[in-house]
């Protein structure tokens, strides 16, 4: 699992993930993801377009980070999921916790940016 973080206008972090967000993948990026997303306390958008699979540990990482951000007054949105990943997110009802959109612009709009 690979991860790249950039800052967007409006003090928003953009995290681009690639690979499998399964138990080994979540373990591999967990601490870096939390440090990049939660620690600064900024809004974040997460690009899932290069993620090929999401398992329960990956969902747990996303949910825990979104909840921690919420406690800091910030929000997270996901975007760009492939059909397979989108189906997994829907089955987990993740949309009830984290907004899921098709594009980066839609994700930023859901954050009010």
PDB file of N, CA and C in Angstrom:
ATOM      1  N   UNK A   1       0.843  -1.168   0.000  1.00  0.00           N
ATOM      2  CA  UNK A   1       0.000   0.000   0.000  1.00  0.00           C
ATOM      3  C   UNK A   1       0.885   1.225   0.000  1.00  0.00           C
ATOM      4  N   UNK A   2       0.624   2.141  -0.925  1.00  0.00           N
ATOM      5  CA  UNK A   2       1.368   3.391  -1.016  1.00  0.00           C
ATOM      6  C   UNK A   2       0.453   4.555  -0.666  1.00  0.00           C
ATOM      7  N   UNK A   3       1.073   5.642  -0.214  1.00  0.00           N
ATOM      8  CA  UNK A   3       0.315   6.808   0.211  1.00  0.00           C
ATOM      9  C   UNK A   3       1.118   8.057  -0.122  1.00  0.00           C
ATOM     10  N   UNK A   4       0.433   9.061  -0.697  1.00  0.00           N
ATOM     11  CA  UNK A   4       1.052  10.355  -0.964  1.00  0.00           C
ATOM     12  C   UNK A   4       0.120  11.432  -0.442  1.00  0.00           C
ATOM     13  N   UNK A   5       0.679  12.435   0.228  1.00  0.00           N
ATOM     14  CA  UNK A   5      -0.118  13.503   0.819  1.00  0.00           C
ATOM     15  C   UNK A   5       0.291  14.831   0.202  1.00  0.00           C
ATOM     16  N   UNK A   6      -0.707  15.611  -0.197  1.00  0.00           N
ATOM     17  CA  UNK A   6      -0.473  16.970  -0.673  1.00  0.00           C
ATOM     18  C   UNK A   6      -1.447  17.898   0.032  1.00  0.00           C
ATOM     19  N   UNK A   7      -1.092  19.167   0.064  1.00  0.00           N
ATOM     20  CA  UNK A   7      -1.999  20.162   0.639  1.00  0.00           C
ATOM     21  C   UNK A   7      -2.699  20.881  -0.489  1.00  0.00           C
ATOM     22  N   UNK A   8      -4.007  21.033  -0.345  1.00  0.00           N
ATOM     23  CA  UNK A   8      -4.811  21.743  -1.326  1.00  0.00           C
ATOM     24  C   UNK A   8      -5.164  23.115  -0.770  1.00  0.00           C
ATOM     25  N   UNK A   9      -5.653  23.975  -1.640  1.00  0.00           N
ATOM     26  CA  UNK A   9      -6.101  25.296  -1.198  1.00  0.00           C
ATOM     27  C   UNK A   9      -7.187  25.134  -0.143  1.00  0.00           C
ATOM     28  N   UNK A  10      -7.273  26.083   0.740  1.00  0.00           N
ATOM     29  CA  UNK A  10      -8.294  26.024   1.779  1.00  0.00           C
ATOM     30  C   UNK A  10      -7.893  25.177   2.961  1.00  0.00           C
ATOM     31  N   UNK A  11      -6.578  24.906   3.087  1.00  0.00           N
ATOM     32  CA  UNK A  11      -6.078  24.139   4.228  1.00  0.00           C
ATOM     33  C   UNK A  11      -6.689  22.739   4.312  1.00  0.00           C
ATOM     34  N   UNK A  12      -6.717  22.047   3.182  1.00  0.00           N
ATOM     35  CA  UNK A  12      -7.251  20.692   3.088  1.00  0.00           C
ATOM     36  C   UNK A  12      -6.122  19.752   2.688  1.00  0.00           C
ATOM     37  N   UNK A  13      -6.026  18.621   3.372  1.00  0.00           N
ATOM     38  CA  UNK A  13      -5.053  17.591   2.995  1.00  0.00           C
ATOM     39  C   UNK A  13      -5.689  16.650   1.984  1.00  0.00           C
ATOM     40  N   UNK A  14      -4.924  16.263   0.974  1.00  0.00           N
ATOM     41  CA  UNK A  14      -5.379  15.269  -0.001  1.00  0.00           C
ATOM     42  C   UNK A  14      -4.452  14.062   0.106  1.00  0.00           C
ATOM     43  N   UNK A  15      -5.036  12.922   0.433  1.00  0.00           N
ATOM     44  CA  UNK A  15      -4.270  11.688   0.569  1.00  0.00           C
ATOM     45  C   UNK A  15      -4.625  10.780  -0.596  1.00  0.00           C
ATOM     46  N   UNK A  16      -3.624  10.389  -1.360  1.00  0.00           N
ATOM     47  CA  UNK A  16      -3.830   9.488  -2.496  1.00  0.00           C
ATOM     48  C   UNK A  16      -3.281   8.115  -2.113  1.00  0.00           C
ATOM     49  N   UNK A  17      -4.183   7.152  -2.081  1.00  0.00           N
ATOM     50  CA  UNK A  17      -3.807   5.785  -1.711  1.00  0.00           C
ATOM     51  C   UNK A  17      -3.733   4.920  -2.954  1.00  0.00           C
ATOM     52  N   UNK A  18      -2.842   3.936  -2.938  1.00  0.00           N
ATOM     53  CA  UNK A  18      -2.794   2.962  -4.031  1.00  0.00           C
ATOM     54  C   UNK A  18      -2.393   1.605  -3.473  1.00  0.00           C
ATOM     55  N   UNK A  19      -3.035   0.575  -3.993  1.00  0.00           N
ATOM     56  CA  UNK A  19      -2.783  -0.786  -3.541  1.00  0.00           C
ATOM     57  C   UNK A  19      -4.004  -1.377  -2.869  1.00  0.00           C
ATOM     58  N   UNK A  20      -3.761  -2.332  -2.004  1.00  0.00           N
ATOM     59  CA  UNK A  20      -4.839  -3.034  -1.295  1.00  0.00           C
ATOM     60  C   UNK A  20      -4.940  -2.500   0.132  1.00  0.00           C
ATOM     61  N   UNK A  21      -6.121  -2.016   0.485  1.00  0.00           N
ATOM     62  CA  UNK A  21      -6.347  -1.518   1.834  1.00  0.00           C
ATOM     63  C   UNK A  21      -6.959  -2.647   2.666  1.00  0.00           C
ATOM     64  N   UNK A  22      -6.161  -3.709   2.794  1.00  0.00           N
ATOM     65  CA  UNK A  22      -6.543  -4.871   3.603  1.00  0.00           C
ATOM     66  C   UNK A  22      -5.733  -4.814   4.898  1.00  0.00           C
ATOM     67  N   UNK A  23      -5.699  -5.877   5.668  1.00  0.00           N
ATOM     68  CA  UNK A  23      -4.984  -5.858   6.950  1.00  0.00           C
ATOM     69  C   UNK A  23      -3.504  -5.489   6.780  1.00  0.00           C
ATOM     70  N   UNK A  24      -2.755  -6.154   5.879  1.00  0.00           N
ATOM     71  CA  UNK A  24      -1.350  -5.761   5.716  1.00  0.00           C
ATOM     72  C   UNK A  24      -1.199  -4.323   5.211  1.00  0.00           C
ATOM     73  N   UNK A  25      -2.068  -3.908   4.285  1.00  0.00           N
ATOM     74  CA  UNK A  25      -1.995  -2.550   3.751  1.00  0.00           C
ATOM     75  C   UNK A  25      -2.306  -1.501   4.807  1.00  0.00           C
ATOM     76  N   UNK A  26      -3.339  -1.764   5.615  1.00  0.00           N
ATOM     77  CA  UNK A  26      -3.706  -0.836   6.689  1.00  0.00           C
ATOM     78  C   UNK A  26      -2.586  -0.759   7.723  1.00  0.00           C
ATOM     79  N   UNK A  27      -1.974  -1.899   8.034  1.00  0.00           N
ATOM     80  CA  UNK A  27      -0.833  -1.912   8.964  1.00  0.00           C
ATOM     81  C   UNK A  27       0.330  -1.088   8.413  1.00  0.00           C
ATOM     82  N   UNK A  28       0.563  -1.223   7.126  1.00  0.00           N
ATOM     83  CA  UNK A  28       1.693  -0.564   6.482  1.00  0.00           C
ATOM     84  C   UNK A  28       1.563   0.958   6.520  1.00  0.00           C
ATOM     85  N   UNK A  29       0.341   1.486   6.331  1.00  0.00           N
ATOM     86  CA  UNK A  29       0.183   2.942   6.268  1.00  0.00           C
ATOM     87  C   UNK A  29      -0.526   3.537   7.475  1.00  0.00           C
ATOM     88  N   UNK A  30      -1.012   2.728   8.384  1.00  0.00           N
ATOM     89  CA  UNK A  30      -1.839   3.205   9.490  1.00  0.00           C
ATOM     90  C   UNK A  30      -1.280   4.390  10.245  1.00  0.00           C
ATOM     91  N   UNK A  31      -0.063   4.275  10.738  1.00  0.00           N
ATOM     92  CA  UNK A  31       0.535   5.352  11.532  1.00  0.00           C
ATOM     93  C   UNK A  31       0.777   6.594  10.677  1.00  0.00           C
ATOM     94  N   UNK A  32       1.271   6.413   9.455  1.00  0.00           N
ATOM     95  CA  UNK A  32       1.512   7.558   8.568  1.00  0.00           C
ATOM     96  C   UNK A  32       0.205   8.236   8.182  1.00  0.00           C
ATOM     97  N   UNK A  33      -0.828   7.427   7.916  1.00  0.00           N
ATOM     98  CA  UNK A  33      -2.139   7.978   7.544  1.00  0.00           C
ATOM     99  C   UNK A  33      -2.699   8.815   8.687  1.00  0.00           C
ATOM    100  N   UNK A  34      -2.645   8.271   9.896  1.00  0.00           N
ATOM    101  CA  UNK A  34      -3.147   8.993  11.065  1.00  0.00           C
ATOM    102  C   UNK A  34      -2.352  10.280  11.284  1.00  0.00           C
ATOM    103  N   UNK A  35      -1.046  10.205  11.149  1.00  0.00           N
ATOM    104  CA  UNK A  35      -0.202  11.392  11.329  1.00  0.00           C
ATOM    105  C   UNK A  35      -0.495  12.456  10.273  1.00  0.00           C
ATOM    106  N   UNK A  36      -0.741  12.031   9.047  1.00  0.00           N
ATOM    107  CA  UNK A  36      -0.980  12.978   7.961  1.00  0.00           C
ATOM    108  C   UNK A  36      -2.386  13.561   7.986  1.00  0.00           C
ATOM    109  N   UNK A  37      -3.348  12.763   8.431  1.00  0.00           N
ATOM    110  CA  UNK A  37      -4.749  13.182   8.358  1.00  0.00           C
ATOM    111  C   UNK A  37      -5.257  13.739   9.685  1.00  0.00           C
ATOM    112  N   UNK A  38      -5.079  13.001  10.742  1.00  0.00           N
ATOM    113  CA  UNK A  38      -5.683  13.373  12.026  1.00  0.00           C
ATOM    114  C   UNK A  38      -4.863  14.405  12.775  1.00  0.00           C
ATOM    115  N   UNK A  39      -3.557  14.203  12.859  1.00  0.00           N
ATOM    116  CA  UNK A  39      -2.710  15.083  13.676  1.00  0.00           C
ATOM    117  C   UNK A  39      -2.852  16.561  13.319  1.00  0.00           C
ATOM    118  N   UNK A  40      -2.852  16.937  12.018  1.00  0.00           N
ATOM    119  CA  UNK A  40      -2.976  18.364  11.707  1.00  0.00           C
ATOM    120  C   UNK A  40      -4.373  18.931  12.015  1.00  0.00           C
ATOM    121  N   UNK A  41      -5.384  18.074  12.073  1.00  0.00           N
ATOM    122  CA  UNK A  41      -6.737  18.531  12.372  1.00  0.00           C
ATOM    123  C   UNK A  41      -7.376  19.334  11.249  1.00  0.00           C
ATOM    124  N   UNK A  42      -6.891  19.150  10.012  1.00  0.00           N
ATOM    125  CA  UNK A  42      -7.465  19.826   8.840  1.00  0.00           C
ATOM    126  C   UNK A  42      -8.463  18.897   8.168  1.00  0.00           C
ATOM    127  N   UNK A  43      -9.346  19.491   7.356  1.00  0.00           N
ATOM    128  CA  UNK A  43     -10.219  18.683   6.520  1.00  0.00           C
ATOM    129  C   UNK A  43      -9.335  17.828   5.610  1.00  0.00           C
ATOM    130  N   UNK A  44      -9.860  16.675   5.201  1.00  0.00           N
ATOM    131  CA  UNK A  44      -9.083  15.782   4.339  1.00  0.00           C
ATOM    132  C   UNK A  44      -9.973  15.140   3.293  1.00  0.00           C
ATOM    133  N   UNK A  45      -9.432  14.991   2.101  1.00  0.00           N
ATOM    134  CA  UNK A  45     -10.072  14.200   1.058  1.00  0.00           C
ATOM    135  C   UNK A  45      -9.127  13.044   0.741  1.00  0.00           C
ATOM    136  N   UNK A  46      -9.701  11.866   0.534  1.00  0.00           N
ATOM    137  CA  UNK A  46      -8.903  10.663   0.302  1.00  0.00           C
ATOM    138  C   UNK A  46      -9.241  10.102  -1.069  1.00  0.00           C
ATOM    139  N   UNK A  47      -8.244  10.006  -1.921  1.00  0.00           N
ATOM    140  CA  UNK A  47      -8.384   9.497  -3.285  1.00  0.00           C
ATOM    141  C   UNK A  47      -8.233   7.977  -3.269  1.00  0.00           C
ATOM    142  N   UNK A  48      -9.303   7.288  -3.626  1.00  0.00           N
ATOM    143  CA  UNK A  48      -9.299   5.823  -3.643  1.00  0.00           C
ATOM    144  C   UNK A  48      -9.217   5.257  -5.059  1.00  0.00           C
ATOM    145  N   UNK A  49      -8.942   6.094  -6.055  1.00  0.00           N
ATOM    146  CA  UNK A  49      -8.979   5.635  -7.447  1.00  0.00           C
ATOM    147  C   UNK A  49      -7.961   4.545  -7.755  1.00  0.00           C
ATOM    148  N   UNK A  50      -6.865   4.473  -7.003  1.00  0.00           N
ATOM    149  CA  UNK A  50      -5.853   3.445  -7.247  1.00  0.00           C
ATOM    150  C   UNK A  50      -5.885   2.346  -6.183  1.00  0.00           C
ATOM    151  N   UNK A  51      -6.955   2.299  -5.410  1.00  0.00           N
ATOM    152  CA  UNK A  51      -7.118   1.235  -4.406  1.00  0.00           C
ATOM    153  C   UNK A  51      -7.900   0.098  -5.058  1.00  0.00           C
ATOM    154  N   UNK A  52      -7.324  -1.094  -5.040  1.00  0.00           N
ATOM    155  CA  UNK A  52      -7.944  -2.229  -5.732  1.00  0.00           C
ATOM    156  C   UNK A  52      -8.849  -3.065  -4.840  1.00  0.00           C
ATOM    157  N   UNK A  53      -8.708  -2.920  -3.516  1.00  0.00           N
ATOM    158  CA  UNK A  53      -9.481  -3.759  -2.598  1.00  0.00           C
ATOM    159  C   UNK A  53      -9.500  -3.084  -1.231  1.00  0.00           C
ATOM    160  N   UNK A  54     -10.632  -3.195  -0.545  1.00  0.00           N
ATOM    161  CA  UNK A  54     -10.749  -2.688   0.828  1.00  0.00           C
ATOM    162  C   UNK A  54     -11.326  -3.792   1.695  1.00  0.00           C
ATOM    163  N   UNK A  55     -10.667  -4.077   2.812  1.00  0.00           N
ATOM    164  CA  UNK A  55     -11.147  -5.078   3.770  1.00  0.00           C
ATOM    165  C   UNK A  55     -11.498  -4.372   5.084  1.00  0.00           C
ATOM    166  N   UNK A  56     -11.929  -5.143   6.049  1.00  0.00           N
ATOM    167  CA  UNK A  56     -12.409  -4.573   7.314  1.00  0.00           C
ATOM    168  C   UNK A  56     -11.365  -3.715   8.022  1.00  0.00           C
ATOM    169  N   UNK A  57     -10.111  -4.098   7.990  1.00  0.00           N
ATOM    170  CA  UNK A  57      -9.073  -3.295   8.655  1.00  0.00           C
ATOM    171  C   UNK A  57      -8.884  -1.942   7.954  1.00  0.00           C
ATOM    172  N   UNK A  58      -9.038  -1.926   6.656  1.00  0.00           N
ATOM    173  CA  UNK A  58      -8.978  -0.666   5.918  1.00  0.00           C
ATOM    174  C   UNK A  58     -10.156   0.228   6.258  1.00  0.00           C
ATOM    175  N   UNK A  59     -11.338  -0.377   6.343  1.00  0.00           N
ATOM    176  CA  UNK A  59     -12.525   0.386   6.738  1.00  0.00           C
ATOM    177  C   UNK A  59     -12.346   0.947   8.142  1.00  0.00           C
ATOM    178  N   UNK A  60     -11.792   0.132   9.015  1.00  0.00           N
ATOM    179  CA  UNK A  60     -11.562   0.564  10.402  1.00  0.00           C
ATOM    180  C   UNK A  60     -10.636   1.775  10.447  1.00  0.00           C
ATOM    181  N   UNK A  61      -9.572   1.762   9.651  1.00  0.00           N
ATOM    182  CA  UNK A  61      -8.643   2.886   9.601  1.00  0.00           C
ATOM    183  C   UNK A  61      -9.358   4.155   9.143  1.00  0.00           C
ATOM    184  N   UNK A  62     -10.165   4.046   8.093  1.00  0.00           N
ATOM    185  CA  UNK A  62     -10.894   5.211   7.583  1.00  0.00           C
ATOM    186  C   UNK A  62     -11.894   5.737   8.607  1.00  0.00           C
ATOM    187  N   UNK A  63     -12.642   4.843   9.231  1.00  0.00           N
ATOM    188  CA  UNK A  63     -13.652   5.247  10.216  1.00  0.00           C
ATOM    189  C   UNK A  63     -12.998   5.888  11.432  1.00  0.00           C
ATOM    190  N   UNK A  64     -11.962   5.265  11.958  1.00  0.00           N
ATOM    191  CA  UNK A  64     -11.279   5.807  13.142  1.00  0.00           C
ATOM    192  C   UNK A  64     -10.712   7.192  12.845  1.00  0.00           C
ATOM    193  N   UNK A  65     -10.144   7.371  11.669  1.00  0.00           N
ATOM    194  CA  UNK A  65      -9.579   8.674  11.298  1.00  0.00           C
ATOM    195  C   UNK A  65     -10.673   9.715  11.134  1.00  0.00           C
ATOM    196  N   UNK A  66     -11.779   9.341  10.503  1.00  0.00           N
ATOM    197  CA  UNK A  66     -12.886  10.283  10.314  1.00  0.00           C
ATOM    198  C   UNK A  66     -13.465  10.708  11.659  1.00  0.00           C
ATOM    199  N   UNK A  67     -13.602   9.781  12.576  1.00  0.00           N
ATOM    200  CA  UNK A  67     -14.132  10.108  13.905  1.00  0.00           C
ATOM    201  C   UNK A  67     -13.163  10.985  14.691  1.00  0.00           C
ATOM    202  N   UNK A  68     -11.875  10.703  14.589  1.00  0.00           N
ATOM    203  CA  UNK A  68     -10.884  11.526  15.281  1.00  0.00           C
ATOM    204  C   UNK A  68     -10.867  12.946  14.704  1.00  0.00           C
ATOM    205  N   UNK A  69     -11.005  13.066  13.385  1.00  0.00           N
ATOM    206  CA  UNK A  69     -11.078  14.382  12.759  1.00  0.00           C
ATOM    207  C   UNK A  69     -12.309  15.138  13.239  1.00  0.00           C
ATOM    208  N   UNK A  70     -13.422  14.429  13.316  1.00  0.00           N
ATOM    209  CA  UNK A  70     -14.667  15.044  13.761  1.00  0.00           C
ATOM    210  C   UNK A  70     -14.506  15.650  15.154  1.00  0.00           C
ATOM    211  N   UNK A  71     -13.780  14.972  16.013  1.00  0.00           N
ATOM    212  CA  UNK A  71     -13.544  15.485  17.364  1.00  0.00           C
ATOM    213  C   UNK A  71     -12.697  16.758  17.353  1.00  0.00           C
ATOM    214  N   UNK A  72     -11.950  16.962  16.260  1.00  0.00           N
ATOM    215  CA  UNK A  72     -11.130  18.170  16.133  1.00  0.00           C
ATOM    216  C   UNK A  72     -11.851  19.248  15.326  1.00  0.00           C
ATOM    217  N   UNK A  73     -13.105  18.986  14.957  1.00  0.00           N
ATOM    218  CA  UNK A  73     -13.873  19.956  14.192  1.00  0.00           C
ATOM    219  C   UNK A  73     -13.586  19.944  12.707  1.00  0.00           C
ATOM    220  N   UNK A  74     -13.010  18.865  12.202  1.00  0.00           N
ATOM    221  CA  UNK A  74     -12.707  18.737  10.776  1.00  0.00           C
ATOM    222  C   UNK A  74     -13.437  17.510  10.226  1.00  0.00           C
ATOM    223  N   UNK A  75     -13.476  17.417   8.905  1.00  0.00           N
ATOM    224  CA  UNK A  75     -14.179  16.296   8.273  1.00  0.00           C
ATOM    225  C   UNK A  75     -13.317  15.645   7.197  1.00  0.00           C
ATOM    226  N   UNK A  76     -13.708  14.435   6.826  1.00  0.00           N
ATOM    227  CA  UNK A  76     -13.039  13.685   5.773  1.00  0.00           C
ATOM    228  C   UNK A  76     -14.080  13.282   4.732  1.00  0.00           C
ATOM    229  N   UNK A  77     -13.665  13.250   3.470  1.00  0.00           N
ATOM    230  CA  UNK A  77     -14.499  12.735   2.392  1.00  0.00           C
ATOM    231  C   UNK A  77     -13.636  11.835   1.516  1.00  0.00           C
ATOM    232  N   UNK A  78     -14.256  10.802   0.960  1.00  0.00           N
ATOM    233  CA  UNK A  78     -13.573   9.862   0.074  1.00  0.00           C
ATOM    234  C   UNK A  78     -14.035  10.120  -1.352  1.00  0.00           C
ATOM    235  N   UNK A  79     -13.159   9.858  -2.323  1.00  0.00           N
ATOM    236  CA  UNK A  79     -13.573  10.012  -3.725  1.00  0.00           C
ATOM    237  C   UNK A  79     -12.814   9.054  -4.632  1.00  0.00           C
ATOM    238  N   UNK A  80     -13.402   8.845  -5.823  1.00  0.00           N
ATOM    239  CA  UNK A  80     -12.718   8.124  -6.886  1.00  0.00           C
ATOM    240  C   UNK A  80     -12.691   6.610  -6.781  1.00  0.00           C
ATOM    241  N   UNK A  81     -13.493   6.014  -5.923  1.00  0.00           N
ATOM    242  CA  UNK A  81     -13.450   4.554  -5.747  1.00  0.00           C
ATOM    243  C   UNK A  81     -13.850   3.829  -7.026  1.00  0.00           C
ATOM    244  N   UNK A  82     -13.146   2.746  -7.316  1.00  0.00           N
ATOM    245  CA  UNK A  82     -13.516   1.887  -8.439  1.00  0.00           C
ATOM    246  C   UNK A  82     -14.839   1.208  -8.102  1.00  0.00           C
ATOM    247  N   UNK A  83     -15.448   0.569  -9.075  1.00  0.00           N
ATOM    248  CA  UNK A  83     -16.736  -0.094  -8.854  1.00  0.00           C
ATOM    249  C   UNK A  83     -16.636  -1.143  -7.752  1.00  0.00           C
ATOM    250  N   UNK A  84     -15.590  -1.949  -7.757  1.00  0.00           N
ATOM    251  CA  UNK A  84     -15.419  -2.987  -6.741  1.00  0.00           C
ATOM    252  C   UNK A  84     -15.297  -2.365  -5.346  1.00  0.00           C
ATOM    253  N   UNK A  85     -14.445  -1.359  -5.213  1.00  0.00           N
ATOM    254  CA  UNK A  85     -14.246  -0.710  -3.914  1.00  0.00           C
ATOM    255  C   UNK A  85     -15.521   0.015  -3.497  1.00  0.00           C
ATOM    256  N   UNK A  86     -16.185   0.682  -4.436  1.00  0.00           N
ATOM    257  CA  UNK A  86     -17.441   1.377  -4.134  1.00  0.00           C
ATOM    258  C   UNK A  86     -18.476   0.390  -3.587  1.00  0.00           C
ATOM    259  N   UNK A  87     -18.556  -0.782  -4.191  1.00  0.00           N
ATOM    260  CA  UNK A  87     -19.496  -1.805  -3.707  1.00  0.00           C
ATOM    261  C   UNK A  87     -19.163  -2.229  -2.280  1.00  0.00           C
ATOM    262  N   UNK A  88     -17.881  -2.374  -1.977  1.00  0.00           N
ATOM    263  CA  UNK A  88     -17.468  -2.738  -0.619  1.00  0.00           C
ATOM    264  C   UNK A  88     -17.847  -1.641   0.380  1.00  0.00           C
ATOM    265  N   UNK A  89     -17.632  -0.393  -0.008  1.00  0.00           N
ATOM    266  CA  UNK A  89     -17.971   0.729   0.867  1.00  0.00           C
ATOM    267  C   UNK A  89     -19.478   0.797   1.102  1.00  0.00           C
ATOM    268  N   UNK A  90     -20.251   0.534   0.044  1.00  0.00           N
ATOM    269  CA  UNK A  90     -21.712   0.539   0.174  1.00  0.00           C
ATOM    270  C   UNK A  90     -22.192  -0.592   1.074  1.00  0.00           C
ATOM    271  N   UNK A  91     -21.623  -1.783   0.921  1.00  0.00           N
ATOM    272  CA  UNK A  91     -22.006  -2.917   1.766  1.00  0.00           C
ATOM    273  C   UNK A  91     -21.726  -2.643   3.236  1.00  0.00           C
ATOM    274  N   UNK A  92     -20.694  -1.876   3.510  1.00  0.00           N
ATOM    275  CA  UNK A  92     -20.346  -1.532   4.885  1.00  0.00           C
ATOM    276  C   UNK A  92     -21.116  -0.310   5.377  1.00  0.00           C
ATOM    277  N   UNK A  93     -21.941   0.285   4.508  1.00  0.00           N
ATOM    278  CA  UNK A  93     -22.713   1.492   4.837  1.00  0.00           C
ATOM    279  C   UNK A  93     -21.807   2.621   5.317  1.00  0.00           C
ATOM    280  N   UNK A  94     -20.631   2.726   4.725  1.00  0.00           N
ATOM    281  CA  UNK A  94     -19.649   3.721   5.136  1.00  0.00           C
ATOM    282  C   UNK A  94     -20.141   5.149   4.886  1.00  0.00           C
ATOM    283  N   UNK A  95     -20.992   5.324   3.887  1.00  0.00           N
ATOM    284  CA  UNK A  95     -21.526   6.650   3.558  1.00  0.00           C
ATOM    285  C   UNK A  95     -22.243   7.294   4.752  1.00  0.00           C
ATOM    286  N   UNK A  96     -22.714   6.476   5.680  1.00  0.00           N
ATOM    287  CA  UNK A  96     -23.383   7.016   6.867  1.00  0.00           C
ATOM    288  C   UNK A  96     -22.387   7.721   7.797  1.00  0.00           C
ATOM    289  N   UNK A  97     -21.109   7.434   7.622  1.00  0.00           N
ATOM    290  CA  UNK A  97     -20.077   8.014   8.487  1.00  0.00           C
ATOM    291  C   UNK A  97     -19.197   8.999   7.727  1.00  0.00           C
ATOM    292  N   UNK A  98     -18.820   8.638   6.498  1.00  0.00           N
ATOM    293  CA  UNK A  98     -17.892   9.440   5.701  1.00  0.00           C
ATOM    294  C   UNK A  98     -18.528   9.695   4.331  1.00  0.00           C
ATOM    295  N   UNK A  99     -18.605  10.949   3.887  1.00  0.00           N
ATOM    296  CA  UNK A  99     -19.124  11.207   2.537  1.00  0.00           C
ATOM    297  C   UNK A  99     -18.252  10.526   1.478  1.00  0.00           C
ATOM    298  N   UNK A 100     -18.905   9.934   0.477  1.00  0.00           N
ATOM    299  CA  UNK A 100     -18.211   9.258  -0.613  1.00  0.00           C
ATOM    300  C   UNK A 100     -18.707   9.873  -1.918  1.00  0.00           C
ATOM    301  N   UNK A 101     -17.760  10.373  -2.727  1.00  0.00           N
ATOM    302  CA  UNK A 101     -18.132  11.029  -3.974  1.00  0.00           C
ATOM    303  C   UNK A 101     -17.330  10.449  -5.137  1.00  0.00           C
ATOM    304  N   UNK A 102     -17.671  10.879  -6.331  1.00  0.00           N
ATOM    305  CA  UNK A 102     -16.980  10.396  -7.510  1.00  0.00           C
ATOM    306  C   UNK A 102     -15.690  11.128  -7.819  1.00  0.00           C
ATOM    307  N   UNK A 103     -15.663  12.440  -7.533  1.00  0.00           N
ATOM    308  CA  UNK A 103     -14.510  13.242  -7.915  1.00  0.00           C
ATOM    309  C   UNK A 103     -13.957  14.046  -6.733  1.00  0.00           C
ATOM    310  N   UNK A 104     -12.743  14.537  -6.914  1.00  0.00           N
ATOM    311  CA  UNK A 104     -12.114  15.368  -5.891  1.00  0.00           C
ATOM    312  C   UNK A 104     -12.922  16.640  -5.653  1.00  0.00           C
ATOM    313  N   UNK A 105     -13.403  17.258  -6.731  1.00  0.00           N
ATOM    314  CA  UNK A 105     -14.192  18.490  -6.594  1.00  0.00           C
ATOM    315  C   UNK A 105     -15.472  18.238  -5.797  1.00  0.00           C
ATOM    316  N   UNK A 106     -16.128  17.105  -6.046  1.00  0.00           N
ATOM    317  CA  UNK A 106     -17.336  16.772  -5.288  1.00  0.00           C
ATOM    318  C   UNK A 106     -17.002  16.543  -3.815  1.00  0.00           C
ATOM    319  N   UNK A 107     -15.871  15.902  -3.558  1.00  0.00           N
ATOM    320  CA  UNK A 107     -15.451  15.664  -2.170  1.00  0.00           C
ATOM    321  C   UNK A 107     -15.193  16.982  -1.461  1.00  0.00           C
ATOM    322  N   UNK A 108     -14.516  17.894  -2.131  1.00  0.00           N
ATOM    323  CA  UNK A 108     -14.266  19.212  -1.543  1.00  0.00           C
ATOM    324  C   UNK A 108     -15.571  19.957  -1.298  1.00  0.00           C
ATOM    325  N   UNK A 109     -16.507  19.824  -2.211  1.00  0.00           N
ATOM    326  CA  UNK A 109     -17.811  20.470  -2.033  1.00  0.00           C
ATOM    327  C   UNK A 109     -18.544  19.910  -0.825  1.00  0.00           C
ATOM    328  N   UNK A 110     -18.438  18.598  -0.618  1.00  0.00           N
ATOM    329  CA  UNK A 110     -19.085  17.980   0.553  1.00  0.00           C
ATOM    330  C   UNK A 110     -18.472  18.475   1.853  1.00  0.00           C
ATOM    331  N   UNK A 111     -17.225  18.936   1.789  1.00  0.00           N
ATOM    332  CA  UNK A 111     -16.572  19.497   2.969  1.00  0.00           C
ATOM    333  C   UNK A 111     -16.819  20.994   3.092  1.00  0.00           C
ATOM    334  N   UNK A 112     -17.550  21.556   2.126  1.00  0.00           N
ATOM    335  CA  UNK A 112     -17.812  22.989   2.147  1.00  0.00           C
ATOM    336  C   UNK A 112     -16.652  23.818   1.663  1.00  0.00           C
ATOM    337  N   UNK A 113     -15.806  23.243   0.826  1.00  0.00           N
ATOM    338  CA  UNK A 113     -14.623  23.944   0.310  1.00  0.00           C
ATOM    339  C   UNK A 113     -14.800  24.293  -1.153  1.00  0.00           C
TER     340      UNK A 113
END
